[in-house]
Amino acid sequence: MANLREAQKRMTRRLLLESGLELFRTKGYAATTVDDIATAAGTTRVTFYAYFPSRSELMKALIDEQLNEVLQRVRSPEHGSTARDLVATVAEGTPEAIMAWLRRTAESWPAIRPIIRIGRDAAVIDPDLPDLVERWLEEAISDIEDGLTAAGRLEPHQRHFRGVLAMAQLDYVAQHWHRADWKLTREQMLDELGASWVRLLT
């Protein structure tokens, strides 16, 4: 019986997260209320607050749980979260490894893009969420720095900033590729992005 209750709790939490994400995407963060999310999840305001103290806490959970799950990021005491495969890819440093990681990551862009976009919108209007996405991106930048450090590549003062440049490129391309007119195919775009990462990180 206890296992069934735990499964129901996990399902309710997941429904609240999914309903919040969909409503934030379609109505916008500012226009979506706790009651909207609870109703869409088939539950009540009281139940919502049993799982999340506020709408902003649900938004944080979308970044900490949903986004990290899509990208296979795990908890890290040093950085908040880490993607071990990104650290290992950067440490290996071969063009093949970097291209393979970028291609795998690009497959997740449709799931990543709305969460990042909503997180940035929410940070503009919600004082409880300043720099929400940028703090998360800093965790990914730390993965790149850790990979460069593990490989002993580049000077210590270069490693973090090279990570900043690499993640800025990736973030911009991921957010704009679906509606940009860059006059190149998806494969050409990934090749160009990969070549830039190779120059930055090897």
C-alpha atoms as a PDB file:
ATOM      1  CA  MET A   1       0.000   0.000   0.000  1.00  0.00           C
ATOM      2  CA  ALA A   2       2.846   2.390   0.844  1.00  0.00           C
ATOM      3  CA  ASN A   3       4.415   1.707  -2.561  1.00  0.00           C
ATOM      4  CA  LEU A   4       1.119   2.546  -4.293  1.00  0.00           C
ATOM      5  CA  ARG A   5       0.873   5.842  -2.377  1.00  0.00           C
ATOM      6  CA  GLU A   6       4.435   6.745  -3.351  1.00  0.00           C
ATOM      7  CA  ALA A   7       3.697   5.940  -6.998  1.00  0.00           C
ATOM      8  CA  GLN A   8       0.572   8.132  -6.868  1.00  0.00           C
ATOM      9  CA  LYS A   9       2.574  10.982  -5.334  1.00  0.00           C
ATOM     10  CA  ARG A  10       5.209  10.715  -8.055  1.00  0.00           C
ATOM     11  CA  MET A  11       2.490  10.686 -10.717  1.00  0.00           C
ATOM     12  CA  THR A  12       0.756  13.759  -9.232  1.00  0.00           C
ATOM     13  CA  ARG A  13       4.048  15.648  -9.067  1.00  0.00           C
ATOM     14  CA  ARG A  14       4.855  14.715 -12.667  1.00  0.00           C
ATOM     15  CA  LEU A  15       1.360  15.812 -13.808  1.00  0.00           C
ATOM     16  CA  LEU A  16       1.791  19.182 -12.084  1.00  0.00           C
ATOM     17  CA  LEU A  17       5.174  19.680 -13.742  1.00  0.00           C
ATOM     18  CA  GLU A  18       3.882  18.682 -17.181  1.00  0.00           C
ATOM     19  CA  SER A  19       0.759  20.822 -16.828  1.00  0.00           C
ATOM     20  CA  GLY A  20       2.817  23.791 -15.663  1.00  0.00           C
ATOM     21  CA  LEU A  21       5.224  23.437 -18.575  1.00  0.00           C
ATOM     22  CA  GLU A  22       2.413  23.220 -21.134  1.00  0.00           C
ATOM     23  CA  LEU A  23       0.543  26.209 -19.678  1.00  0.00           C
ATOM     24  CA  PHE A  24       3.708  28.306 -19.376  1.00  0.00           C
ATOM     25  CA  ARG A  25       4.428  27.456 -23.015  1.00  0.00           C
ATOM     26  CA  THR A  26       0.938  28.263 -24.346  1.00  0.00           C
ATOM     27  CA  LYS A  27      -0.283  31.061 -22.022  1.00  0.00           C
ATOM     28  CA  GLY A  28       3.032  32.419 -20.799  1.00  0.00           C
ATOM     29  CA  TYR A  29       4.482  32.317 -17.310  1.00  0.00           C
ATOM     30  CA  ALA A  30       2.942  35.626 -16.232  1.00  0.00           C
ATOM     31  CA  ALA A  31      -0.593  34.648 -17.264  1.00  0.00           C
ATOM     32  CA  THR A  32      -0.548  31.167 -15.714  1.00  0.00           C
ATOM     33  CA  THR A  33      -1.869  30.828 -12.161  1.00  0.00           C
ATOM     34  CA  VAL A  34      -1.499  28.084  -9.587  1.00  0.00           C
ATOM     35  CA  ASP A  35      -5.217  27.341 -10.063  1.00  0.00           C
ATOM     36  CA  ASP A  36      -4.680  26.957 -13.824  1.00  0.00           C
ATOM     37  CA  ILE A  37      -1.908  24.419 -13.240  1.00  0.00           C
ATOM     38  CA  ALA A  38      -3.861  22.483 -10.607  1.00  0.00           C
ATOM     39  CA  THR A  39      -6.972  22.313 -12.808  1.00  0.00           C
ATOM     40  CA  ALA A  40      -4.982  21.180 -15.845  1.00  0.00           C
ATOM     41  CA  ALA A  41      -3.396  18.435 -13.725  1.00  0.00           C
ATOM     42  CA  GLY A  42      -6.842  17.313 -12.536  1.00  0.00           C
ATOM     43  CA  THR A  43      -6.253  18.313  -8.945  1.00  0.00           C
ATOM     44  CA  THR A  44      -6.720  21.272  -6.582  1.00  0.00           C
ATOM     45  CA  ARG A  45      -4.832  24.312  -5.371  1.00  0.00           C
ATOM     46  CA  VAL A  46      -4.365  22.597  -1.986  1.00  0.00           C
ATOM     47  CA  THR A  47      -2.734  19.611  -3.683  1.00  0.00           C
ATOM     48  CA  PHE A  48      -0.496  21.916  -5.734  1.00  0.00           C
ATOM     49  CA  TYR A  49       0.814  23.536  -2.547  1.00  0.00           C
ATOM     50  CA  ALA A  50       1.449  20.117  -1.014  1.00  0.00           C
ATOM     51  CA  TYR A  51       4.073  19.611  -3.744  1.00  0.00           C
ATOM     52  CA  PHE A  52       5.294  23.117  -4.547  1.00  0.00           C
ATOM     53  CA  PRO A  53       5.303  26.121  -2.185  1.00  0.00           C
ATOM     54  CA  SER A  54       4.823  28.485  -5.148  1.00  0.00           C
ATOM     55  CA  ARG A  55       4.656  28.753  -8.918  1.00  0.00           C
ATOM     56  CA  SER A  56       8.319  29.804  -8.942  1.00  0.00           C
ATOM     57  CA  GLU A  57       9.289  26.587  -7.120  1.00  0.00           C
ATOM     58  CA  LEU A  58       7.555  24.588  -9.838  1.00  0.00           C
ATOM     59  CA  MET A  59       9.558  26.550 -12.424  1.00  0.00           C
ATOM     60  CA  LYS A  60      12.789  25.741 -10.571  1.00  0.00           C
ATOM     61  CA  ALA A  61      11.803  22.077 -10.542  1.00  0.00           C
ATOM     62  CA  LEU A  62      11.302  22.168 -14.316  1.00  0.00           C
ATOM     63  CA  ILE A  63      14.942  23.232 -14.637  1.00  0.00           C
ATOM     64  CA  ASP A  64      16.351  21.041 -11.861  1.00  0.00           C
ATOM     65  CA  GLU A  65      14.373  17.913 -12.688  1.00  0.00           C
ATOM     66  CA  GLN A  66      12.865  17.914 -16.174  1.00  0.00           C
ATOM     67  CA  LEU A  67      15.684  19.679 -18.000  1.00  0.00           C
ATOM     68  CA  ASN A  68      18.415  17.784 -16.171  1.00  0.00           C
ATOM     69  CA  GLU A  69      16.617  14.502 -16.832  1.00  0.00           C
ATOM     70  CA  VAL A  70      16.457  15.189 -20.584  1.00  0.00           C
ATOM     71  CA  LEU A  71      20.176  16.022 -20.618  1.00  0.00           C
ATOM     72  CA  GLN A  72      21.147  13.195 -18.227  1.00  0.00           C
ATOM     73  CA  ARG A  73      22.554  15.639 -15.708  1.00  0.00           C
ATOM     74  CA  VAL A  74      22.948  14.351 -12.142  1.00  0.00           C
ATOM     75  CA  ARG A  75      23.367  16.106  -8.806  1.00  0.00           C
ATOM     76  CA  SER A  76      26.836  17.434  -8.087  1.00  0.00           C
ATOM     77  CA  PRO A  77      28.028  18.848  -4.756  1.00  0.00           C
ATOM     78  CA  GLU A  78      30.546  21.060  -6.562  1.00  0.00           C
ATOM     79  CA  HIS A  79      28.350  22.564  -9.275  1.00  0.00           C
ATOM     80  CA  GLY A  80      24.696  21.768  -8.558  1.00  0.00           C
ATOM     81  CA  SER A  81      24.450  19.341 -11.469  1.00  0.00           C
ATOM     82  CA  THR A  82      26.834  17.708 -13.893  1.00  0.00           C
ATOM     83  CA  ALA A  83      26.704  15.812 -17.182  1.00  0.00           C
ATOM     84  CA  ARG A  84      29.428  13.205 -16.874  1.00  0.00           C
ATOM     85  CA  ASP A  85      29.333  12.488 -20.594  1.00  0.00           C
ATOM     86  CA  LEU A  86      30.075  16.165 -21.360  1.00  0.00           C
ATOM     87  CA  VAL A  87      33.031  16.158 -18.956  1.00  0.00           C
ATOM     88  CA  ALA A  88      34.332  12.921 -20.528  1.00  0.00           C
ATOM     89  CA  THR A  89      33.788  14.228 -24.076  1.00  0.00           C
ATOM     90  CA  VAL A  90      35.728  17.430 -23.416  1.00  0.00           C
ATOM     91  CA  ALA A  91      38.483  15.491 -21.632  1.00  0.00           C
ATOM     92  CA  GLU A  92      38.809  13.146 -24.635  1.00  0.00           C
ATOM     93  CA  GLY A  93      38.870  16.184 -26.900  1.00  0.00           C
ATOM     94  CA  THR A  94      38.684  14.446 -30.259  1.00  0.00           C
ATOM     95  CA  PRO A  95      36.608  15.982 -33.053  1.00  0.00           C
ATOM     96  CA  GLU A  96      34.686  12.696 -33.306  1.00  0.00           C
ATOM     97  CA  ALA A  97      33.746  12.683 -29.616  1.00  0.00           C
ATOM     98  CA  ILE A  98      32.718  16.347 -29.661  1.00  0.00           C
ATOM     99  CA  MET A  99      30.605  15.923 -32.807  1.00  0.00           C
ATOM    100  CA  ALA A 100      28.921  12.815 -31.392  1.00  0.00           C
ATOM    101  CA  TRP A 101      28.033  14.668 -28.160  1.00  0.00           C
ATOM    102  CA  LEU A 102      26.646  17.667 -30.064  1.00  0.00           C
ATOM    103  CA  ARG A 103      24.541  15.410 -32.305  1.00  0.00           C
ATOM    104  CA  ARG A 104      23.086  13.566 -29.289  1.00  0.00           C
ATOM    105  CA  THR A 105      22.343  16.874 -27.587  1.00  0.00           C
ATOM    106  CA  ALA A 106      20.696  18.306 -30.715  1.00  0.00           C
ATOM    107  CA  GLU A 107      18.189  15.442 -30.625  1.00  0.00           C
ATOM    108  CA  SER A 108      16.967  16.859 -27.292  1.00  0.00           C
ATOM    109  CA  TRP A 109      16.545  20.446 -28.494  1.00  0.00           C
ATOM    110  CA  PRO A 110      12.749  20.204 -28.972  1.00  0.00           C
ATOM    111  CA  ALA A 111      12.385  19.193 -25.296  1.00  0.00           C
ATOM    112  CA  ILE A 112      15.037  21.614 -24.015  1.00  0.00           C
ATOM    113  CA  ARG A 113      14.021  24.726 -25.938  1.00  0.00           C
ATOM    114  CA  PRO A 114      10.648  25.458 -24.258  1.00  0.00           C
ATOM    115  CA  ILE A 115      11.999  24.996 -20.731  1.00  0.00           C
ATOM    116  CA  ILE A 116      14.922  27.345 -21.376  1.00  0.00           C
ATOM    117  CA  ARG A 117      12.689  29.936 -23.021  1.00  0.00           C
ATOM    118  CA  ILE A 118      10.094  29.812 -20.232  1.00  0.00           C
ATOM    119  CA  GLY A 119      12.841  29.966 -17.597  1.00  0.00           C
ATOM    120  CA  ARG A 120      14.208  33.159 -19.125  1.00  0.00           C
ATOM    121  CA  ASP A 121      10.731  34.695 -19.388  1.00  0.00           C
ATOM    122  CA  ALA A 122       9.976  33.773 -15.775  1.00  0.00           C
ATOM    123  CA  ALA A 123      13.246  35.295 -14.528  1.00  0.00           C
ATOM    124  CA  VAL A 124      12.291  38.653 -16.027  1.00  0.00           C
ATOM    125  CA  ILE A 125       9.029  38.944 -14.103  1.00  0.00           C
ATOM    126  CA  ASP A 126       9.476  36.780 -11.004  1.00  0.00           C
ATOM    127  CA  PRO A 127      11.825  38.184  -8.324  1.00  0.00           C
ATOM    128  CA  ASP A 128      12.246  34.642  -6.917  1.00  0.00           C
ATOM    129  CA  LEU A 129      13.848  33.487 -10.186  1.00  0.00           C
ATOM    130  CA  PRO A 130      16.686  35.860 -11.064  1.00  0.00           C
ATOM    131  CA  ASP A 131      19.154  34.422 -13.581  1.00  0.00           C
ATOM    132  CA  LEU A 132      17.530  30.980 -13.333  1.00  0.00           C
ATOM    133  CA  VAL A 133      18.711  29.706 -16.726  1.00  0.00           C
ATOM    134  CA  GLU A 134      22.070  31.480 -16.573  1.00  0.00           C
ATOM    135  CA  ARG A 135      22.884  29.753 -13.258  1.00  0.00           C
ATOM    136  CA  TRP A 136      21.981  26.425 -14.863  1.00  0.00           C
ATOM    137  CA  LEU A 137      24.162  27.203 -17.895  1.00  0.00           C
ATOM    138  CA  GLU A 138      27.024  27.985 -15.512  1.00  0.00           C
ATOM    139  CA  GLU A 139      26.806  24.365 -14.318  1.00  0.00           C
ATOM    140  CA  ALA A 140      27.298  23.156 -17.898  1.00  0.00           C
ATOM    141  CA  ILE A 141      30.196  25.587 -18.335  1.00  0.00           C
ATOM    142  CA  SER A 142      31.773  24.043 -15.232  1.00  0.00           C
ATOM    143  CA  ASP A 143      31.518  20.616 -16.899  1.00  0.00           C
ATOM    144  CA  ILE A 144      33.552  21.917 -19.828  1.00  0.00           C
ATOM    145  CA  GLU A 145      36.081  23.451 -17.450  1.00  0.00           C
ATOM    146  CA  ASP A 146      36.329  20.151 -15.541  1.00  0.00           C
ATOM    147  CA  GLY A 147      36.908  18.237 -18.789  1.00  0.00           C
ATOM    148  CA  LEU A 148      39.665  20.627 -19.866  1.00  0.00           C
ATOM    149  CA  THR A 149      41.248  20.399 -16.406  1.00  0.00           C
ATOM    150  CA  ALA A 150      41.127  16.593 -16.436  1.00  0.00           C
ATOM    151  CA  ALA A 151      42.899  16.613 -19.806  1.00  0.00           C
ATOM    152  CA  GLY A 152      45.425  19.258 -18.717  1.00  0.00           C
ATOM    153  CA  ARG A 153      44.496  21.194 -21.834  1.00  0.00           C
ATOM    154  CA  LEU A 154      44.740  25.003 -22.144  1.00  0.00           C
ATOM    155  CA  GLU A 155      45.950  27.328 -19.418  1.00  0.00           C
ATOM    156  CA  PRO A 156      43.916  27.367 -16.174  1.00  0.00           C
ATOM    157  CA  HIS A 157      42.777  30.950 -16.785  1.00  0.00           C
ATOM    158  CA  GLN A 158      41.425  29.991 -20.249  1.00  0.00           C
ATOM    159  CA  ARG A 159      39.320  26.961 -19.319  1.00  0.00           C
ATOM    160  CA  HIS A 160      36.264  28.599 -17.821  1.00  0.00           C
ATOM    161  CA  PHE A 161      36.005  31.286 -20.484  1.00  0.00           C
ATOM    162  CA  ARG A 162      36.358  28.742 -23.305  1.00  0.00           C
ATOM    163  CA  GLY A 163      33.416  26.950 -21.674  1.00  0.00           C
ATOM    164  CA  VAL A 164      31.471  30.226 -21.635  1.00  0.00           C
ATOM    165  CA  LEU A 165      32.087  30.704 -25.359  1.00  0.00           C
ATOM    166  CA  ALA A 166      31.205  27.104 -26.235  1.00  0.00           C
ATOM    167  CA  MET A 167      27.959  27.094 -24.219  1.00  0.00           C
ATOM    168  CA  ALA A 168      26.938  30.527 -25.536  1.00  0.00           C
ATOM    169  CA  GLN A 169      27.205  29.183 -29.087  1.00  0.00           C
ATOM    170  CA  LEU A 170      25.305  26.012 -28.251  1.00  0.00           C
ATOM    171  CA  ASP A 171      22.562  27.870 -26.373  1.00  0.00           C
ATOM    172  CA  TYR A 172      22.044  30.409 -29.171  1.00  0.00           C
ATOM    173  CA  VAL A 173      21.919  27.787 -31.907  1.00  0.00           C
ATOM    174  CA  ALA A 174      19.602  25.509 -29.904  1.00  0.00           C
ATOM    175  CA  GLN A 175      17.188  28.371 -29.201  1.00  0.00           C
ATOM    176  CA  HIS A 176      17.085  29.791 -32.727  1.00  0.00           C
ATOM    177  CA  TRP A 177      17.773  26.933 -35.151  1.00  0.00           C
ATOM    178  CA  HIS A 178      14.098  26.027 -35.665  1.00  0.00           C
ATOM    179  CA  ARG A 179      13.149  29.530 -36.882  1.00  0.00           C
ATOM    180  CA  ALA A 180      16.409  30.952 -38.242  1.00  0.00           C
ATOM    181  CA  ASP A 181      17.191  31.373 -41.921  1.00  0.00           C
ATOM    182  CA  TRP A 182      20.896  30.564 -41.841  1.00  0.00           C
ATOM    183  CA  LYS A 183      21.002  29.094 -45.361  1.00  0.00           C
ATOM    184  CA  LEU A 184      22.412  25.741 -44.298  1.00  0.00           C
ATOM    185  CA  THR A 185      21.058  22.297 -43.492  1.00  0.00           C
ATOM    186  CA  ARG A 186      20.842  20.905 -39.983  1.00  0.00           C
ATOM    187  CA  GLU A 187      23.864  18.693 -40.674  1.00  0.00           C
ATOM    188  CA  GLN A 188      25.891  21.621 -42.000  1.00  0.00           C
ATOM    189  CA  MET A 189      24.920  23.647 -38.936  1.00  0.00           C
ATOM    190  CA  LEU A 190      26.053  20.859 -36.603  1.00  0.00           C
ATOM    191  CA  ASP A 191      29.304  20.502 -38.559  1.00  0.00           C
ATOM    192  CA  GLU A 192      29.995  24.231 -38.180  1.00  0.00           C
ATOM    193  CA  LEU A 193      29.100  24.203 -34.494  1.00  0.00           C
ATOM    194  CA  GLY A 194      31.304  21.138 -33.958  1.00  0.00           C
ATOM    195  CA  ALA A 195      34.238  22.733 -35.781  1.00  0.00           C
ATOM    196  CA  SER A 196      33.912  25.807 -33.575  1.00  0.00           C
ATOM    197  CA  TRP A 197      33.836  23.680 -30.405  1.00  0.00           C
ATOM    198  CA  VAL A 198      36.906  21.764 -31.576  1.00  0.00           C
ATOM    199  CA  ARG A 199      38.790  25.056 -32.095  1.00  0.00           C
ATOM    200  CA  LEU A 200      37.720  26.339 -28.681  1.00  0.00           C
ATOM    201  CA  LEU A 201      38.305  23.189 -26.635  1.00  0.00           C
ATOM    202  CA  THR A 202      41.261  21.354 -28.188  1.00  0.00           C
END
